[in-house]
Amino acid sequence: MNRVAGFLWRFATMIAVLVALATVAGIGYGWIDASTRSIVGAIAAHTGVNAVHYFFFTYP
């Protein structure tokens, strides 16, 4: 594989993984919303995930 093809393959794989993670997260937030019959629980869960990312992961 040449450099461009290798880059495109890694990029496409990364996008597929991110789409899969977003799908799983959306299903989880939807389940929380449906089980509590309130959007507040899903918002709280999303805020918690965002807080974990903010405090425990570094970003460039």
PDB file of N, CA and C in Angstrom:
ATOM      1  N   MET A   1       0.844  -1.180   0.000  1.00  0.00           N
ATOM      2  CA  MET A   1       0.000   0.000   0.000  1.00  0.00           C
ATOM      3  C   MET A   1       0.891   1.245   0.000  1.00  0.00           C
ATOM      4  N   ASN A   2       0.551   2.204  -0.815  1.00  0.00           N
ATOM      5  CA  ASN A   2       1.346   3.421  -0.779  1.00  0.00           C
ATOM      6  C   ASN A   2       0.895   4.300   0.386  1.00  0.00           C
ATOM      7  N   ARG A   3       1.575   5.411   0.596  1.00  0.00           N
ATOM      8  CA  ARG A   3       1.326   6.251   1.778  1.00  0.00           C
ATOM      9  C   ARG A   3      -0.088   6.820   1.789  1.00  0.00           C
ATOM     10  N   VAL A   4      -0.566   7.284   0.656  1.00  0.00           N
ATOM     11  CA  VAL A   4      -1.899   7.890   0.607  1.00  0.00           C
ATOM     12  C   VAL A   4      -2.966   6.848   0.886  1.00  0.00           C
ATOM     13  N   ALA A   5      -2.832   5.695   0.267  1.00  0.00           N
ATOM     14  CA  ALA A   5      -3.814   4.634   0.490  1.00  0.00           C
ATOM     15  C   ALA A   5      -3.799   4.183   1.950  1.00  0.00           C
ATOM     16  N   GLY A   6      -2.603   4.096   2.542  1.00  0.00           N
ATOM     17  CA  GLY A   6      -2.504   3.712   3.950  1.00  0.00           C
ATOM     18  C   GLY A   6      -3.168   4.734   4.849  1.00  0.00           C
ATOM     19  N   PHE A   7      -2.938   6.020   4.548  1.00  0.00           N
ATOM     20  CA  PHE A   7      -3.576   7.077   5.332  1.00  0.00           C
ATOM     21  C   PHE A   7      -5.091   7.010   5.201  1.00  0.00           C
ATOM     22  N   LEU A   8      -5.576   6.863   3.978  1.00  0.00           N
ATOM     23  CA  LEU A   8      -7.026   6.811   3.769  1.00  0.00           C
ATOM     24  C   LEU A   8      -7.645   5.607   4.468  1.00  0.00           C
ATOM     25  N   TRP A   9      -6.944   4.473   4.455  1.00  0.00           N
ATOM     26  CA  TRP A   9      -7.455   3.290   5.130  1.00  0.00           C
ATOM     27  C   TRP A   9      -7.541   3.514   6.639  1.00  0.00           C
ATOM     28  N   ARG A  10      -6.511   4.093   7.238  1.00  0.00           N
ATOM     29  CA  ARG A  10      -6.533   4.377   8.679  1.00  0.00           C
ATOM     30  C   ARG A  10      -7.610   5.401   9.017  1.00  0.00           C
ATOM     31  N   PHE A  11      -7.755   6.407   8.173  1.00  0.00           N
ATOM     32  CA  PHE A  11      -8.774   7.426   8.408  1.00  0.00           C
ATOM     33  C   PHE A  11     -10.177   6.830   8.340  1.00  0.00           C
ATOM     34  N   ALA A  12     -10.445   6.009   7.336  1.00  0.00           N
ATOM     35  CA  ALA A  12     -11.751   5.366   7.196  1.00  0.00           C
ATOM     36  C   ALA A  12     -12.032   4.436   8.371  1.00  0.00           C
ATOM     37  N   THR A  13     -11.019   3.724   8.831  1.00  0.00           N
ATOM     38  CA  THR A  13     -11.183   2.834   9.978  1.00  0.00           C
ATOM     39  C   THR A  13     -11.497   3.632  11.235  1.00  0.00           C
ATOM     40  N   MET A  14     -10.795   4.751  11.428  1.00  0.00           N
ATOM     41  CA  MET A  14     -11.050   5.605  12.583  1.00  0.00           C
ATOM     42  C   MET A  14     -12.478   6.152  12.556  1.00  0.00           C
ATOM     43  N   ILE A  15     -12.934   6.585  11.393  1.00  0.00           N
ATOM     44  CA  ILE A  15     -14.292   7.108  11.263  1.00  0.00           C
ATOM     45  C   ILE A  15     -15.308   6.012  11.581  1.00  0.00           C
ATOM     46  N   ALA A  16     -15.071   4.807  11.101  1.00  0.00           N
ATOM     47  CA  ALA A  16     -15.994   3.697  11.379  1.00  0.00           C
ATOM     48  C   ALA A  16     -16.064   3.409  12.876  1.00  0.00           C
ATOM     49  N   VAL A  17     -14.943   3.453  13.559  1.00  0.00           N
ATOM     50  CA  VAL A  17     -14.931   3.223  15.009  1.00  0.00           C
ATOM     51  C   VAL A  17     -15.695   4.332  15.723  1.00  0.00           C
ATOM     52  N   LEU A  18     -15.489   5.578  15.318  1.00  0.00           N
ATOM     53  CA  LEU A  18     -16.198   6.690  15.955  1.00  0.00           C
ATOM     54  C   LEU A  18     -17.696   6.615  15.708  1.00  0.00           C
ATOM     55  N   VAL A  19     -18.099   6.213  14.516  1.00  0.00           N
ATOM     56  CA  VAL A  19     -19.525   6.046  14.222  1.00  0.00           C
ATOM     57  C   VAL A  19     -20.114   4.943  15.095  1.00  0.00           C
ATOM     58  N   ALA A  20     -19.382   3.849  15.264  1.00  0.00           N
ATOM     59  CA  ALA A  20     -19.859   2.749  16.111  1.00  0.00           C
ATOM     60  C   ALA A  20     -20.001   3.204  17.565  1.00  0.00           C
ATOM     61  N   LEU A  21     -19.020   3.948  18.070  1.00  0.00           N
ATOM     62  CA  LEU A  21     -19.106   4.440  19.449  1.00  0.00           C
ATOM     63  C   LEU A  21     -20.270   5.409  19.629  1.00  0.00           C
ATOM     64  N   ALA A  22     -20.478   6.288  18.653  1.00  0.00           N
ATOM     65  CA  ALA A  22     -21.602   7.224  18.731  1.00  0.00           C
ATOM     66  C   ALA A  22     -22.933   6.493  18.686  1.00  0.00           C
ATOM     67  N   THR A  23     -22.999   5.424  17.911  1.00  0.00           N
ATOM     68  CA  THR A  23     -24.226   4.624  17.842  1.00  0.00           C
ATOM     69  C   THR A  23     -24.515   3.956  19.179  1.00  0.00           C
ATOM     70  N   VAL A  24     -23.484   3.366  19.773  1.00  0.00           N
ATOM     71  CA  VAL A  24     -23.662   2.727  21.084  1.00  0.00           C
ATOM     72  C   VAL A  24     -24.075   3.756  22.133  1.00  0.00           C
ATOM     73  N   ALA A  25     -23.435   4.933  22.110  1.00  0.00           N
ATOM     74  CA  ALA A  25     -23.788   5.989  23.062  1.00  0.00           C
ATOM     75  C   ALA A  25     -25.232   6.438  22.852  1.00  0.00           C
ATOM     76  N   GLY A  26     -25.628   6.609  21.612  1.00  0.00           N
ATOM     77  CA  GLY A  26     -27.000   7.018  21.320  1.00  0.00           C
ATOM     78  C   GLY A  26     -28.021   5.998  21.780  1.00  0.00           C
ATOM     79  N   ILE A  27     -27.713   4.729  21.595  1.00  0.00           N
ATOM     80  CA  ILE A  27     -28.614   3.677  22.080  1.00  0.00           C
ATOM     81  C   ILE A  27     -28.696   3.726  23.603  1.00  0.00           C
ATOM     82  N   GLY A  28     -27.553   3.936  24.253  1.00  0.00           N
ATOM     83  CA  GLY A  28     -27.554   4.035  25.717  1.00  0.00           C
ATOM     84  C   GLY A  28     -28.353   5.227  26.213  1.00  0.00           C
ATOM     85  N   TYR A  29     -28.155   6.388  25.597  1.00  0.00           N
ATOM     86  CA  TYR A  29     -28.914   7.573  26.002  1.00  0.00           C
ATOM     87  C   TYR A  29     -30.402   7.384  25.719  1.00  0.00           C
ATOM     88  N   GLY A  30     -30.715   6.750  24.614  1.00  0.00           N
ATOM     89  CA  GLY A  30     -32.116   6.464  24.307  1.00  0.00           C
ATOM     90  C   GLY A  30     -32.736   5.507  25.302  1.00  0.00           C
ATOM     91  N   TRP A  31     -31.960   4.499  25.720  1.00  0.00           N
ATOM     92  CA  TRP A  31     -32.470   3.551  26.713  1.00  0.00           C
ATOM     93  C   TRP A  31     -32.725   4.261  28.042  1.00  0.00           C
ATOM     94  N   ILE A  32     -31.804   5.130  28.444  1.00  0.00           N
ATOM     95  CA  ILE A  32     -31.997   5.891  29.681  1.00  0.00           C
ATOM     96  C   ILE A  32     -33.238   6.755  29.576  1.00  0.00           C
ATOM     97  N   ASP A  33     -33.408   7.419  28.439  1.00  0.00           N
ATOM     98  CA  ASP A  33     -34.578   8.269  28.230  1.00  0.00           C
ATOM     99  C   ASP A  33     -35.872   7.456  28.276  1.00  0.00           C
ATOM    100  N   ALA A  34     -35.876   6.302  27.619  1.00  0.00           N
ATOM    101  CA  ALA A  34     -37.084   5.480  27.587  1.00  0.00           C
ATOM    102  C   ALA A  34     -37.385   4.851  28.938  1.00  0.00           C
ATOM    103  N   SER A  35     -36.355   4.452  29.659  1.00  0.00           N
ATOM    104  CA  SER A  35     -36.595   3.774  30.935  1.00  0.00           C
ATOM    105  C   SER A  35     -36.999   4.749  32.040  1.00  0.00           C
ATOM    106  N   THR A  36     -36.515   5.978  31.979  1.00  0.00           N
ATOM    107  CA  THR A  36     -36.887   6.953  33.004  1.00  0.00           C
ATOM    108  C   THR A  36     -38.053   7.838  32.570  1.00  0.00           C
ATOM    109  N   ARG A  37     -38.379   7.794  31.282  1.00  0.00           N
ATOM    110  CA  ARG A  37     -39.420   8.649  30.696  1.00  0.00           C
ATOM    111  C   ARG A  37     -39.140  10.128  30.960  1.00  0.00           C
ATOM    112  N   SER A  38     -37.851  10.458  30.999  1.00  0.00           N
ATOM    113  CA  SER A  38     -37.428  11.833  31.205  1.00  0.00           C
ATOM    114  C   SER A  38     -36.093  12.046  30.495  1.00  0.00           C
ATOM    115  N   ILE A  39     -35.991  13.151  29.809  1.00  0.00           N
ATOM    116  CA  ILE A  39     -34.767  13.461  29.095  1.00  0.00           C
ATOM    117  C   ILE A  39     -33.647  13.863  30.057  1.00  0.00           C
ATOM    118  N   VAL A  40     -34.012  14.204  31.289  1.00  0.00           N
ATOM    119  CA  VAL A  40     -33.026  14.683  32.262  1.00  0.00           C
ATOM    120  C   VAL A  40     -31.975  13.607  32.549  1.00  0.00           C
ATOM    121  N   GLY A  41     -32.381  12.367  32.650  1.00  0.00           N
ATOM    122  CA  GLY A  41     -31.421  11.291  32.904  1.00  0.00           C
ATOM    123  C   GLY A  41     -30.414  11.143  31.778  1.00  0.00           C
ATOM    124  N   ALA A  42     -30.879  11.223  30.539  1.00  0.00           N
ATOM    125  CA  ALA A  42     -29.979  11.129  29.397  1.00  0.00           C
ATOM    126  C   ALA A  42     -29.031  12.327  29.351  1.00  0.00           C
ATOM    127  N   ILE A  43     -29.549  13.506  29.684  1.00  0.00           N
ATOM    128  CA  ILE A  43     -28.704  14.698  29.723  1.00  0.00           C
ATOM    129  C   ILE A  43     -27.641  14.549  30.811  1.00  0.00           C
ATOM    130  N   ALA A  44     -28.025  14.031  31.968  1.00  0.00           N
ATOM    131  CA  ALA A  44     -27.074  13.835  33.061  1.00  0.00           C
ATOM    132  C   ALA A  44     -25.998  12.818  32.667  1.00  0.00           C
ATOM    133  N   ALA A  45     -26.394  11.752  32.008  1.00  0.00           N
ATOM    134  CA  ALA A  45     -25.417  10.749  31.573  1.00  0.00           C
ATOM    135  C   ALA A  45     -24.449  11.350  30.554  1.00  0.00           C
ATOM    136  N   HIS A  46     -24.953  12.104  29.624  1.00  0.00           N
ATOM    137  CA  HIS A  46     -24.106  12.738  28.618  1.00  0.00           C
ATOM    138  C   HIS A  46     -23.161  13.741  29.268  1.00  0.00           C
ATOM    139  N   THR A  47     -23.664  14.498  30.232  1.00  0.00           N
ATOM    140  CA  THR A  47     -22.820  15.449  30.952  1.00  0.00           C
ATOM    141  C   THR A  47     -21.720  14.712  31.713  1.00  0.00           C
ATOM    142  N   GLY A  48     -22.056  13.576  32.306  1.00  0.00           N
ATOM    143  CA  GLY A  48     -21.054  12.778  33.007  1.00  0.00           C
ATOM    144  C   GLY A  48     -19.971  12.260  32.076  1.00  0.00           C
ATOM    145  N   VAL A  49     -20.367  11.785  30.908  1.00  0.00           N
ATOM    146  CA  VAL A  49     -19.386  11.308  29.927  1.00  0.00           C
ATOM    147  C   VAL A  49     -18.491  12.468  29.486  1.00  0.00           C
ATOM    148  N   ASN A  50     -19.092  13.622  29.234  1.00  0.00           N
ATOM    149  CA  ASN A  50     -18.301  14.792  28.843  1.00  0.00           C
ATOM    150  C   ASN A  50     -17.327  15.195  29.948  1.00  0.00           C
ATOM    151  N   ALA A  51     -17.767  15.142  31.193  1.00  0.00           N
ATOM    152  CA  ALA A  51     -16.898  15.508  32.318  1.00  0.00           C
ATOM    153  C   ALA A  51     -15.724  14.543  32.431  1.00  0.00           C
ATOM    154  N   VAL A  52     -15.974  13.261  32.263  1.00  0.00           N
ATOM    155  CA  VAL A  52     -14.883  12.274  32.308  1.00  0.00           C
ATOM    156  C   VAL A  52     -13.875  12.571  31.211  1.00  0.00           C
ATOM    157  N   HIS A  53     -14.363  12.857  30.013  1.00  0.00           N
ATOM    158  CA  HIS A  53     -13.448  13.169  28.912  1.00  0.00           C
ATOM    159  C   HIS A  53     -12.672  14.448  29.194  1.00  0.00           C
ATOM    160  N   TYR A  54     -13.317  15.433  29.737  1.00  0.00           N
ATOM    161  CA  TYR A  54     -12.668  16.723  29.994  1.00  0.00           C
ATOM    162  C   TYR A  54     -11.569  16.590  31.051  1.00  0.00           C
ATOM    163  N   PHE A  55     -11.846  15.864  32.126  1.00  0.00           N
ATOM    164  CA  PHE A  55     -10.912  15.801  33.243  1.00  0.00           C
ATOM    165  C   PHE A  55      -9.848  14.702  33.116  1.00  0.00           C
ATOM    166  N   PHE A  56     -10.127  13.649  32.379  1.00  0.00           N
ATOM    167  CA  PHE A  56      -9.204  12.515  32.366  1.00  0.00           C
ATOM    168  C   PHE A  56      -8.503  12.248  31.032  1.00  0.00           C
ATOM    169  N   PHE A  57      -8.853  12.958  29.985  1.00  0.00           N
ATOM    170  CA  PHE A  57      -8.192  12.797  28.703  1.00  0.00           C
ATOM    171  C   PHE A  57      -7.585  14.121  28.278  1.00  0.00           C
ATOM    172  N   THR A  58      -6.469  14.043  27.570  1.00  0.00           N
ATOM    173  CA  THR A  58      -5.852  15.271  27.078  1.00  0.00           C
ATOM    174  C   THR A  58      -6.197  15.457  25.609  1.00  0.00           C
ATOM    175  N   TYR A  59      -6.304  16.679  25.214  1.00  0.00           N
ATOM    176  CA  TYR A  59      -6.581  17.029  23.836  1.00  0.00           C
ATOM    177  C   TYR A  59      -5.527  18.006  23.356  1.00  0.00           C
ATOM    178  N   PRO A  60      -5.131  17.884  22.118  1.00  0.00           N
ATOM    179  CA  PRO A  60      -4.081  18.786  21.617  1.00  0.00           C
ATOM    180  C   PRO A  60      -4.529  20.231  21.562  1.00  0.00           C
TER     181      PRO A  60
END
